[in-house]
Amino acid sequence: MTATGSTLAAGRMVRIPGGEFLQGSPERMLDLLDEADQPFPRRWFADETPVVARTVAPFRIDQYPVTVGEFGRFVADTGYRTDAEERGFSLVYGAGGWVEQPGARWDAPGGPGRTVSGYEDHPVVHVSWGDANAYARWAGKRLPTEAEWEFAARGTGFRIWPWGDSWDAGNANTTEYHARSFTSYAAWQEWWAAECALHGALPRTTPVGAFSDRGDSPFGCADMAGNVYEWTSTLSHLYDDAVDCDPTVRMALGRYRVIRGGSWMNLRYQVRCAERMHGDPTGWASFAHGFRCAKDD
């Protein structure tokens, strides 16, 4: 965790007026990704295509991801125990890859003794899809749909990142903010192993809204690129069943839930407005996954 600045929010919501837009990425975006200095093949991003027409009704969405402090008030009020607490572990990416870390949970993100004291304005992590829904119900809200999330992130027109089409490492909490750009997975792992040796396998989150002066969406939503992955309510699906996508996506269809936004662990190409990931909703959580809420207008 990176404790710089303080922008603690109190469940502030932004009104999104609704409208029509083309969800997903045009083929020219995948052409750019093919040519870019990023390590993933074209099929990795194919579930973003083809673009599909969507109409979104007016709604409200949290300006920031739900924070540790906000989630703590929910727990104090309800006595809620997260899936990670019930299971006794959650996922942490160590020097050698993902591990089931005993005792890792929302208030001990690296395991026992790694508390969140002083990080109340950081996004909460180690929350499952079920945990996120439980919080949303308590708050009188819900999780956003995938279409709502993307519309809030970029508006009616296509843009690569919430602020536009030009990358700036100072606009979002990604790997480039902490280190540099990597063109291979091996190089990223080498950097992360060194980080773990120095600081341990702790999330490198930043206070919500820390990049608001530069990285907000057209509607004023913060942290929609990087910081933490965000759960949506949408069941994993393809925009077109004929798409030649990565086989792992095929395995998720009809079972997993769509995750948006990328995280502090990712490079710039994985925190784009149209980037999709898919997570197991049956208790799965990690030290890079959080959420924000929405509600009908």
C-alpha atoms as a PDB file:
ATOM      1  CA  MET A   1       0.000   0.000   0.000  1.00  0.00           C
ATOM      2  CA  THR A   2       1.159   3.500  -0.792  1.00  0.00           C
ATOM      3  CA  ALA A   3       0.064   5.944   1.885  1.00  0.00           C
ATOM      4  CA  THR A   4       0.392   9.238   0.041  1.00  0.00           C
ATOM      5  CA  GLY A   5      -2.183  11.966   0.348  1.00  0.00           C
ATOM      6  CA  SER A   6      -5.679  11.759   1.817  1.00  0.00           C
ATOM      7  CA  THR A   7      -8.868  11.934  -0.190  1.00  0.00           C
ATOM      8  CA  LEU A   8     -11.231   9.982   2.078  1.00  0.00           C
ATOM      9  CA  ALA A   9     -14.674   9.938   0.462  1.00  0.00           C
ATOM     10  CA  ALA A  10     -17.978   9.306   2.193  1.00  0.00           C
ATOM     11  CA  GLY A  11     -19.899   7.284  -0.363  1.00  0.00           C
ATOM     12  CA  ARG A  12     -20.115  10.208  -2.769  1.00  0.00           C
ATOM     13  CA  MET A  13     -22.011   9.353  -5.946  1.00  0.00           C
ATOM     14  CA  VAL A  14     -21.973  10.820  -9.442  1.00  0.00           C
ATOM     15  CA  ARG A  15     -25.106  11.077 -11.572  1.00  0.00           C
ATOM     16  CA  ILE A  16     -24.662   9.528 -15.015  1.00  0.00           C
ATOM     17  CA  PRO A  17     -27.295  10.922 -17.407  1.00  0.00           C
ATOM     18  CA  GLY A  18     -27.569   7.761 -19.474  1.00  0.00           C
ATOM     19  CA  GLY A  19     -27.428   7.512 -23.226  1.00  0.00           C
ATOM     20  CA  GLU A  20     -26.356   5.369 -26.141  1.00  0.00           C
ATOM     21  CA  PHE A  21     -22.814   4.210 -26.845  1.00  0.00           C
ATOM     22  CA  LEU A  22     -20.833   1.480 -28.559  1.00  0.00           C
ATOM     23  CA  GLN A  23     -19.493  -0.829 -25.881  1.00  0.00           C
ATOM     24  CA  GLY A  24     -16.186  -2.597 -26.471  1.00  0.00           C
ATOM     25  CA  SER A  25     -13.170  -2.033 -28.687  1.00  0.00           C
ATOM     26  CA  PRO A  26     -13.038  -1.544 -32.451  1.00  0.00           C
ATOM     27  CA  GLU A  27     -10.636  -3.778 -34.380  1.00  0.00           C
ATOM     28  CA  ARG A  28      -8.261  -0.829 -34.790  1.00  0.00           C
ATOM     29  CA  MET A  29      -7.700  -0.938 -31.025  1.00  0.00           C
ATOM     30  CA  LEU A  30      -6.619  -4.556 -31.232  1.00  0.00           C
ATOM     31  CA  ASP A  31      -4.331  -3.591 -34.118  1.00  0.00           C
ATOM     32  CA  LEU A  32      -2.699  -1.019 -31.820  1.00  0.00           C
ATOM     33  CA  LEU A  33      -2.319  -3.616 -29.081  1.00  0.00           C
ATOM     34  CA  ASP A  34      -0.647  -5.969 -31.558  1.00  0.00           C
ATOM     35  CA  GLU A  35       1.897  -3.287 -32.351  1.00  0.00           C
ATOM     36  CA  ALA A  36       2.407  -2.110 -28.772  1.00  0.00           C
ATOM     37  CA  ASP A  37       5.116  -3.057 -26.280  1.00  0.00           C
ATOM     38  CA  GLN A  38       2.850  -5.352 -24.261  1.00  0.00           C
ATOM     39  CA  PRO A  39       3.233  -9.097 -23.720  1.00  0.00           C
ATOM     40  CA  PHE A  40      -0.234 -10.437 -24.497  1.00  0.00           C
ATOM     41  CA  PRO A  41      -1.503 -11.928 -27.781  1.00  0.00           C
ATOM     42  CA  ARG A  42      -4.433 -10.485 -29.717  1.00  0.00           C
ATOM     43  CA  ARG A  43      -6.757 -13.284 -28.583  1.00  0.00           C
ATOM     44  CA  TRP A  44      -6.309 -12.109 -24.993  1.00  0.00           C
ATOM     45  CA  PHE A  45      -8.255  -8.948 -25.819  1.00  0.00           C
ATOM     46  CA  ALA A  46     -10.704 -10.412 -28.356  1.00  0.00           C
ATOM     47  CA  ASP A  47     -13.573 -10.595 -25.866  1.00  0.00           C
ATOM     48  CA  GLU A  48     -13.728  -6.789 -26.152  1.00  0.00           C
ATOM     49  CA  THR A  49     -14.907  -7.159 -29.745  1.00  0.00           C
ATOM     50  CA  PRO A  50     -17.005  -6.525 -31.745  1.00  0.00           C
ATOM     51  CA  VAL A  51     -18.413  -3.220 -30.540  1.00  0.00           C
ATOM     52  CA  VAL A  52     -22.069  -3.505 -29.559  1.00  0.00           C
ATOM     53  CA  ALA A  53     -24.719  -0.811 -29.270  1.00  0.00           C
ATOM     54  CA  ARG A  54     -25.914  -0.243 -25.711  1.00  0.00           C
ATOM     55  CA  THR A  55     -28.495   2.070 -24.190  1.00  0.00           C
ATOM     56  CA  VAL A  56     -27.933   2.957 -20.552  1.00  0.00           C
ATOM     57  CA  ALA A  57     -30.677   4.497 -18.417  1.00  0.00           C
ATOM     58  CA  PRO A  58     -29.742   7.317 -16.024  1.00  0.00           C
ATOM     59  CA  PHE A  59     -28.092   6.002 -12.845  1.00  0.00           C
ATOM     60  CA  ARG A  60     -25.720   6.963 -10.068  1.00  0.00           C
ATOM     61  CA  ILE A  61     -22.323   5.431  -9.397  1.00  0.00           C
ATOM     62  CA  ASP A  62     -19.807   5.856  -6.595  1.00  0.00           C
ATOM     63  CA  GLN A  63     -17.237   8.495  -7.453  1.00  0.00           C
ATOM     64  CA  TYR A  64     -14.576   6.313  -5.842  1.00  0.00           C
ATOM     65  CA  PRO A  65     -14.101   2.627  -5.085  1.00  0.00           C
ATOM     66  CA  VAL A  66     -15.394   1.577  -1.666  1.00  0.00           C
ATOM     67  CA  THR A  67     -12.690   2.292   0.907  1.00  0.00           C
ATOM     68  CA  VAL A  68     -11.320   0.331   3.828  1.00  0.00           C
ATOM     69  CA  GLY A  69     -12.968   2.814   6.179  1.00  0.00           C
ATOM     70  CA  GLU A  70     -16.369   2.477   4.536  1.00  0.00           C
ATOM     71  CA  PHE A  71     -16.180  -1.310   4.517  1.00  0.00           C
ATOM     72  CA  GLY A  72     -15.110  -1.237   8.156  1.00  0.00           C
ATOM     73  CA  ARG A  73     -18.244   0.695   9.099  1.00  0.00           C
ATOM     74  CA  PHE A  74     -20.331  -1.930   7.303  1.00  0.00           C
ATOM     75  CA  VAL A  75     -18.616  -4.716   9.253  1.00  0.00           C
ATOM     76  CA  ALA A  76     -18.995  -2.864  12.548  1.00  0.00           C
ATOM     77  CA  ASP A  77     -22.691  -2.265  11.887  1.00  0.00           C
ATOM     78  CA  THR A  78     -23.578  -5.781  10.731  1.00  0.00           C
ATOM     79  CA  GLY A  79     -20.927  -8.150  12.096  1.00  0.00           C
ATOM     80  CA  TYR A  80     -20.423  -9.371   8.546  1.00  0.00           C
ATOM     81  CA  ARG A  81     -17.641 -11.893   7.867  1.00  0.00           C
ATOM     82  CA  THR A  82     -16.158 -11.928   4.399  1.00  0.00           C
ATOM     83  CA  ASP A  83     -15.648 -15.060   2.350  1.00  0.00           C
ATOM     84  CA  ALA A  84     -11.893 -14.750   2.949  1.00  0.00           C
ATOM     85  CA  GLU A  85     -12.493 -14.778   6.700  1.00  0.00           C
ATOM     86  CA  GLU A  86     -14.766 -17.801   6.443  1.00  0.00           C
ATOM     87  CA  ARG A  87     -12.284 -19.693   4.267  1.00  0.00           C
ATOM     88  CA  GLY A  88      -9.256 -18.649   6.299  1.00  0.00           C
ATOM     89  CA  PHE A  89      -7.273 -17.393   3.319  1.00  0.00           C
ATOM     90  CA  SER A  90      -7.289 -15.162   0.270  1.00  0.00           C
ATOM     91  CA  LEU A  91      -5.115 -14.804  -2.805  1.00  0.00           C
ATOM     92  CA  VAL A  92      -1.870 -12.849  -2.688  1.00  0.00           C
ATOM     93  CA  TYR A  93       0.656 -12.619  -5.491  1.00  0.00           C
ATOM     94  CA  GLY A  94       4.043 -13.484  -4.003  1.00  0.00           C
ATOM     95  CA  ALA A  95       7.500 -13.596  -5.549  1.00  0.00           C
ATOM     96  CA  GLY A  96       6.639 -16.857  -7.299  1.00  0.00           C
ATOM     97  CA  GLY A  97       3.027 -16.256  -8.274  1.00  0.00           C
ATOM     98  CA  TRP A  98      -0.444 -16.502  -6.762  1.00  0.00           C
ATOM     99  CA  VAL A  99      -0.684 -18.202  -3.364  1.00  0.00           C
ATOM    100  CA  GLU A 100      -3.511 -18.842  -0.914  1.00  0.00           C
ATOM    101  CA  GLN A 101      -2.258 -16.702   1.977  1.00  0.00           C
ATOM    102  CA  PRO A 102      -3.586 -17.852   5.363  1.00  0.00           C
ATOM    103  CA  GLY A 103      -5.196 -15.009   7.274  1.00  0.00           C
ATOM    104  CA  ALA A 104      -5.257 -12.578   4.334  1.00  0.00           C
ATOM    105  CA  ARG A 105      -8.479 -10.569   4.537  1.00  0.00           C
ATOM    106  CA  TRP A 106      -9.872  -7.075   4.079  1.00  0.00           C
ATOM    107  CA  ASP A 107      -8.304  -5.764   7.314  1.00  0.00           C
ATOM    108  CA  ALA A 108      -5.051  -7.764   6.998  1.00  0.00           C
ATOM    109  CA  PRO A 109      -4.248  -7.582   3.276  1.00  0.00           C
ATOM    110  CA  GLY A 110      -0.893  -9.357   3.487  1.00  0.00           C
ATOM    111  CA  GLY A 111      -1.895 -11.829   6.156  1.00  0.00           C
ATOM    112  CA  PRO A 112      -1.734 -11.715   9.991  1.00  0.00           C
ATOM    113  CA  GLY A 113      -0.020  -8.612  11.330  1.00  0.00           C
ATOM    114  CA  ARG A 114      -0.400  -6.680   8.056  1.00  0.00           C
ATOM    115  CA  THR A 115      -3.181  -4.356   9.188  1.00  0.00           C
ATOM    116  CA  VAL A 116      -4.903  -1.524   7.346  1.00  0.00           C
ATOM    117  CA  SER A 117      -4.323   1.056  10.066  1.00  0.00           C
ATOM    118  CA  GLY A 118      -3.526   4.333   8.329  1.00  0.00           C
ATOM    119  CA  TYR A 119      -5.012   3.154   5.029  1.00  0.00           C
ATOM    120  CA  GLU A 120      -8.673   3.868   5.681  1.00  0.00           C
ATOM    121  CA  ASP A 121      -8.924   5.975   2.512  1.00  0.00           C
ATOM    122  CA  HIS A 122      -7.512   3.225   0.282  1.00  0.00           C
ATOM    123  CA  PRO A 123      -9.857   0.937  -1.644  1.00  0.00           C
ATOM    124  CA  VAL A 124     -10.788  -2.198   0.255  1.00  0.00           C
ATOM    125  CA  VAL A 125      -9.415  -5.456  -1.184  1.00  0.00           C
ATOM    126  CA  HIS A 126      -9.867  -9.183  -0.501  1.00  0.00           C
ATOM    127  CA  VAL A 127     -13.595  -8.805  -1.183  1.00  0.00           C
ATOM    128  CA  SER A 128     -15.473 -11.449  -3.139  1.00  0.00           C
ATOM    129  CA  TRP A 129     -18.433 -10.860  -5.430  1.00  0.00           C
ATOM    130  CA  GLY A 130     -20.717 -11.933  -2.604  1.00  0.00           C
ATOM    131  CA  ASP A 131     -19.012  -9.561  -0.167  1.00  0.00           C
ATOM    132  CA  ALA A 132     -19.419  -6.666  -2.597  1.00  0.00           C
ATOM    133  CA  ASN A 133     -23.122  -7.424  -3.014  1.00  0.00           C
ATOM    134  CA  ALA A 134     -23.618  -7.666   0.743  1.00  0.00           C
ATOM    135  CA  TYR A 135     -22.053  -4.246   1.238  1.00  0.00           C
ATOM    136  CA  ALA A 136     -24.104  -2.763  -1.596  1.00  0.00           C
ATOM    137  CA  ARG A 137     -27.372  -4.028  -0.081  1.00  0.00           C
ATOM    138  CA  TRP A 138     -26.405  -2.561   3.304  1.00  0.00           C
ATOM    139  CA  ALA A 139     -25.669   0.787   1.649  1.00  0.00           C
ATOM    140  CA  GLY A 140     -28.961   0.776  -0.274  1.00  0.00           C
ATOM    141  CA  LYS A 141     -27.133   0.360  -3.551  1.00  0.00           C
ATOM    142  CA  ARG A 142     -26.112  -2.397  -5.989  1.00  0.00           C
ATOM    143  CA  LEU A 143     -23.181  -3.342  -8.174  1.00  0.00           C
ATOM    144  CA  PRO A 144     -23.031  -1.600 -11.561  1.00  0.00           C
ATOM    145  CA  THR A 145     -23.642  -3.558 -14.715  1.00  0.00           C
ATOM    146  CA  GLU A 146     -20.716  -3.916 -17.088  1.00  0.00           C
ATOM    147  CA  ALA A 147     -22.331  -1.494 -19.552  1.00  0.00           C
ATOM    148  CA  GLU A 148     -22.933   1.084 -16.822  1.00  0.00           C
ATOM    149  CA  TRP A 149     -19.356   0.782 -15.661  1.00  0.00           C
ATOM    150  CA  GLU A 150     -17.871   1.290 -19.131  1.00  0.00           C
ATOM    151  CA  PHE A 151     -20.216   4.182 -19.899  1.00  0.00           C
ATOM    152  CA  ALA A 152     -19.245   5.904 -16.635  1.00  0.00           C
ATOM    153  CA  ALA A 153     -15.570   5.349 -17.467  1.00  0.00           C
ATOM    154  CA  ARG A 154     -15.550   6.851 -20.963  1.00  0.00           C
ATOM    155  CA  GLY A 155     -18.863   8.481 -21.887  1.00  0.00           C
ATOM    156  CA  THR A 156     -20.566   8.257 -25.259  1.00  0.00           C
ATOM    157  CA  GLY A 157     -17.449   8.321 -27.442  1.00  0.00           C
ATOM    158  CA  PHE A 158     -14.644   5.796 -27.646  1.00  0.00           C
ATOM    159  CA  ARG A 159     -11.556   6.613 -25.609  1.00  0.00           C
ATOM    160  CA  ILE A 160      -8.771   4.303 -24.528  1.00  0.00           C
ATOM    161  CA  TRP A 161      -8.448   5.519 -20.925  1.00  0.00           C
ATOM    162  CA  PRO A 162     -10.899   7.574 -18.857  1.00  0.00           C
ATOM    163  CA  TRP A 163      -9.013  10.805 -19.584  1.00  0.00           C
ATOM    164  CA  GLY A 164      -8.391  10.175 -23.295  1.00  0.00           C
ATOM    165  CA  ASP A 165      -6.173   8.357 -25.786  1.00  0.00           C
ATOM    166  CA  SER A 166      -2.712   9.501 -24.641  1.00  0.00           C
ATOM    167  CA  TRP A 167      -1.050   7.485 -21.909  1.00  0.00           C
ATOM    168  CA  ASP A 168       0.404   9.277 -18.865  1.00  0.00           C
ATOM    169  CA  ALA A 169       1.800   7.253 -15.956  1.00  0.00           C
ATOM    170  CA  GLY A 170       0.883  10.098 -13.604  1.00  0.00           C
ATOM    171  CA  ASN A 171      -2.831   9.661 -14.281  1.00  0.00           C
ATOM    172  CA  ALA A 172      -3.455   6.266 -12.671  1.00  0.00           C
ATOM    173  CA  ASN A 173      -2.115   3.744 -10.174  1.00  0.00           C
ATOM    174  CA  THR A 174      -0.562   1.081 -12.405  1.00  0.00           C
ATOM    175  CA  THR A 175       2.782  -0.695 -12.537  1.00  0.00           C
ATOM    176  CA  GLU A 176       4.154   2.236 -14.536  1.00  0.00           C
ATOM    177  CA  TYR A 177       3.359   4.558 -11.636  1.00  0.00           C
ATOM    178  CA  HIS A 178       5.489   2.462  -9.294  1.00  0.00           C
ATOM    179  CA  ALA A 179       8.196   1.313 -11.673  1.00  0.00           C
ATOM    180  CA  ARG A 180       8.298   1.252 -15.454  1.00  0.00           C
ATOM    181  CA  SER A 181       6.708  -0.370 -18.473  1.00  0.00           C
ATOM    182  CA  PHE A 182       7.466  -4.045 -19.083  1.00  0.00           C
ATOM    183  CA  THR A 183       7.293  -5.848 -22.382  1.00  0.00           C
ATOM    184  CA  SER A 184       7.456  -9.369 -20.974  1.00  0.00           C
ATOM    185  CA  TYR A 185       5.812 -11.197 -18.120  1.00  0.00           C
ATOM    186  CA  ALA A 186       9.229 -12.411 -16.950  1.00  0.00           C
ATOM    187  CA  ALA A 187      10.477  -8.829 -16.576  1.00  0.00           C
ATOM    188  CA  TRP A 188       7.394  -7.904 -14.547  1.00  0.00           C
ATOM    189  CA  GLN A 189       7.913 -10.932 -12.292  1.00  0.00           C
ATOM    190  CA  GLU A 190      11.525  -9.952 -11.710  1.00  0.00           C
ATOM    191  CA  TRP A 191      10.461  -6.492 -10.598  1.00  0.00           C
ATOM    192  CA  TRP A 192       7.715  -7.839  -8.356  1.00  0.00           C
ATOM    193  CA  ALA A 193      10.040 -10.390  -6.736  1.00  0.00           C
ATOM    194  CA  ALA A 194      12.382  -7.543  -5.817  1.00  0.00           C
ATOM    195  CA  GLU A 195       9.447  -5.552  -4.409  1.00  0.00           C
ATOM    196  CA  CYS A 196       8.330  -8.525  -2.312  1.00  0.00           C
ATOM    197  CA  ALA A 197      11.851  -8.943  -0.950  1.00  0.00           C
ATOM    198  CA  LEU A 198      11.854  -5.309   0.193  1.00  0.00           C
ATOM    199  CA  HIS A 199       8.284  -4.789   1.365  1.00  0.00           C
ATOM    200  CA  GLY A 200       6.491  -8.132   1.319  1.00  0.00           C
ATOM    201  CA  ALA A 201       3.544  -9.175  -0.818  1.00  0.00           C
ATOM    202  CA  LEU A 202       1.351  -6.207   0.032  1.00  0.00           C
ATOM    203  CA  PRO A 203      -1.042  -4.385  -2.299  1.00  0.00           C
ATOM    204  CA  ARG A 204       0.298  -1.157  -3.775  1.00  0.00           C
ATOM    205  CA  THR A 205      -3.003   0.706  -3.595  1.00  0.00           C
ATOM    206  CA  THR A 206      -3.219   4.484  -3.329  1.00  0.00           C
ATOM    207  CA  PRO A 207      -5.863   6.654  -1.613  1.00  0.00           C
ATOM    208  CA  VAL A 208      -9.031   6.845  -3.669  1.00  0.00           C
ATOM    209  CA  GLY A 209      -9.117   9.962  -5.809  1.00  0.00           C
ATOM    210  CA  ALA A 210      -5.359  10.498  -5.584  1.00  0.00           C
ATOM    211  CA  PHE A 211      -5.267  11.033  -9.366  1.00  0.00           C
ATOM    212  CA  SER A 212      -8.501  13.012  -9.659  1.00  0.00           C
ATOM    213  CA  ASP A 213      -6.828  16.143 -10.961  1.00  0.00           C
ATOM    214  CA  ARG A 214      -5.717  14.270 -14.087  1.00  0.00           C
ATOM    215  CA  GLY A 215      -7.240  10.821 -14.379  1.00  0.00           C
ATOM    216  CA  ASP A 216     -10.995  11.183 -13.895  1.00  0.00           C
ATOM    217  CA  SER A 217     -13.580  10.031 -16.413  1.00  0.00           C
ATOM    218  CA  PRO A 218     -15.688  12.546 -18.388  1.00  0.00           C
ATOM    219  CA  PHE A 219     -18.342  12.290 -15.662  1.00  0.00           C
ATOM    220  CA  GLY A 220     -15.877  12.861 -12.828  1.00  0.00           C
ATOM    221  CA  CYS A 221     -15.479   9.245 -11.678  1.00  0.00           C
ATOM    222  CA  ALA A 222     -12.050   8.518 -10.190  1.00  0.00           C
ATOM    223  CA  ASP A 223      -9.829   5.429 -10.232  1.00  0.00           C
ATOM    224  CA  MET A 224     -11.608   3.773 -13.156  1.00  0.00           C
ATOM    225  CA  ALA A 225      -8.166   2.918 -14.524  1.00  0.00           C
ATOM    226  CA  GLY A 226      -5.950   1.024 -12.106  1.00  0.00           C
ATOM    227  CA  ASN A 227      -5.789   0.969  -8.299  1.00  0.00           C
ATOM    228  CA  VAL A 228      -8.132  -2.042  -7.878  1.00  0.00           C
ATOM    229  CA  TYR A 229     -10.080  -4.353 -10.146  1.00  0.00           C
ATOM    230  CA  GLU A 230     -13.819  -3.771  -9.736  1.00  0.00           C
ATOM    231  CA  TRP A 231     -16.610  -6.325  -9.648  1.00  0.00           C
ATOM    232  CA  THR A 232     -19.719  -5.796 -11.785  1.00  0.00           C
ATOM    233  CA  SER A 233     -23.075  -7.558 -11.665  1.00  0.00           C
ATOM    234  CA  THR A 234     -22.792  -8.850 -15.236  1.00  0.00           C
ATOM    235  CA  LEU A 235     -22.470 -12.555 -15.985  1.00  0.00           C
ATOM    236  CA  SER A 236     -19.478 -13.319 -18.218  1.00  0.00           C
ATOM    237  CA  HIS A 237     -20.423 -13.511 -21.878  1.00  0.00           C
ATOM    238  CA  LEU A 238     -19.080 -12.702 -25.338  1.00  0.00           C
ATOM    239  CA  TYR A 239     -20.347  -9.802 -27.409  1.00  0.00           C
ATOM    240  CA  ASP A 240     -20.386 -12.268 -30.319  1.00  0.00           C
ATOM    241  CA  ASP A 241     -20.203 -16.044 -29.867  1.00  0.00           C
ATOM    242  CA  ALA A 242     -18.082 -16.354 -33.014  1.00  0.00           C
ATOM    243  CA  VAL A 243     -15.173 -14.377 -31.514  1.00  0.00           C
ATOM    244  CA  ASP A 244     -11.848 -16.240 -31.429  1.00  0.00           C
ATOM    245  CA  CYS A 245     -10.881 -15.473 -27.836  1.00  0.00           C
ATOM    246  CA  ASP A 246      -8.528 -16.914 -25.257  1.00  0.00           C
ATOM    247  CA  PRO A 247      -9.716 -20.372 -24.067  1.00  0.00           C
ATOM    248  CA  THR A 248      -9.742 -19.223 -20.430  1.00  0.00           C
ATOM    249  CA  VAL A 249     -12.508 -16.765 -21.316  1.00  0.00           C
ATOM    250  CA  ARG A 250     -14.553 -19.584 -22.837  1.00  0.00           C
ATOM    251  CA  MET A 251     -14.259 -21.432 -19.528  1.00  0.00           C
ATOM    252  CA  ALA A 252     -15.697 -18.432 -17.679  1.00  0.00           C
ATOM    253  CA  LEU A 253     -18.773 -17.909 -19.859  1.00  0.00           C
ATOM    254  CA  GLY A 254     -22.048 -18.231 -18.004  1.00  0.00           C
ATOM    255  CA  ARG A 255     -20.253 -18.888 -14.712  1.00  0.00           C
ATOM    256  CA  TYR A 256     -18.030 -15.950 -13.794  1.00  0.00           C
ATOM    257  CA  ARG A 257     -18.762 -12.246 -13.371  1.00  0.00           C
ATOM    258  CA  VAL A 258     -17.161  -9.459 -15.387  1.00  0.00           C
ATOM    259  CA  ILE A 259     -14.458  -7.416 -13.665  1.00  0.00           C
ATOM    260  CA  ARG A 260     -13.412  -3.985 -14.910  1.00  0.00           C
ATOM    261  CA  GLY A 261     -10.752  -1.305 -14.517  1.00  0.00           C
ATOM    262  CA  GLY A 262      -7.496  -3.182 -14.020  1.00  0.00           C
ATOM    263  CA  SER A 263      -5.373  -2.589 -10.926  1.00  0.00           C
ATOM    264  CA  TRP A 264      -2.084  -1.419  -9.479  1.00  0.00           C
ATOM    265  CA  MET A 265      -0.602  -4.748 -10.659  1.00  0.00           C
ATOM    266  CA  ASN A 266      -1.259  -4.014 -14.329  1.00  0.00           C
ATOM    267  CA  LEU A 267       0.339  -2.238 -17.234  1.00  0.00           C
ATOM    268  CA  ARG A 268      -1.405   0.553 -19.105  1.00  0.00           C
ATOM    269  CA  TYR A 269      -2.973  -1.743 -21.698  1.00  0.00           C
ATOM    270  CA  GLN A 270      -4.825  -3.699 -19.035  1.00  0.00           C
ATOM    271  CA  VAL A 271      -6.481  -0.666 -17.436  1.00  0.00           C
ATOM    272  CA  ARG A 272      -8.282   0.582 -20.547  1.00  0.00           C
ATOM    273  CA  CYS A 273     -11.970   1.478 -20.410  1.00  0.00           C
ATOM    274  CA  ALA A 274     -12.925  -1.528 -22.562  1.00  0.00           C
ATOM    275  CA  GLU A 275     -10.629  -4.119 -20.952  1.00  0.00           C
ATOM    276  CA  ARG A 276     -12.524  -7.091 -19.514  1.00  0.00           C
ATOM    277  CA  MET A 277     -11.561  -9.656 -16.919  1.00  0.00           C
ATOM    278  CA  HIS A 278     -13.645 -12.423 -15.397  1.00  0.00           C
ATOM    279  CA  GLY A 279     -13.775 -13.617 -11.793  1.00  0.00           C
ATOM    280  CA  ASP A 280     -15.270 -16.587  -9.974  1.00  0.00           C
ATOM    281  CA  PRO A 281     -18.208 -15.263  -7.896  1.00  0.00           C
ATOM    282  CA  THR A 282     -18.230 -18.226  -5.487  1.00  0.00           C
ATOM    283  CA  GLY A 283     -15.973 -16.763  -2.802  1.00  0.00           C
ATOM    284  CA  TRP A 284     -12.862 -15.891  -4.818  1.00  0.00           C
ATOM    285  CA  ALA A 285     -10.978 -12.762  -3.691  1.00  0.00           C
ATOM    286  CA  SER A 286      -7.492 -11.269  -3.920  1.00  0.00           C
ATOM    287  CA  PHE A 287      -5.343  -8.384  -2.723  1.00  0.00           C
ATOM    288  CA  ALA A 288      -6.009  -6.457  -5.949  1.00  0.00           C
ATOM    289  CA  HIS A 289      -9.815  -6.759  -6.158  1.00  0.00           C
ATOM    290  CA  GLY A 290     -12.308  -4.207  -4.884  1.00  0.00           C
ATOM    291  CA  PHE A 291     -15.547  -2.617  -6.099  1.00  0.00           C
ATOM    292  CA  ARG A 292     -17.741   0.454  -6.317  1.00  0.00           C
ATOM    293  CA  CYS A 293     -21.511   0.657  -6.105  1.00  0.00           C
ATOM    294  CA  ALA A 294     -24.311   2.048  -8.246  1.00  0.00           C
ATOM    295  CA  LYS A 295     -28.020   2.748  -7.840  1.00  0.00           C
ATOM    296  CA  ASP A 296     -30.968   3.606 -10.045  1.00  0.00           C
ATOM    297  CA  ASP A 297     -31.485   7.326 -10.560  1.00  0.00           C
END
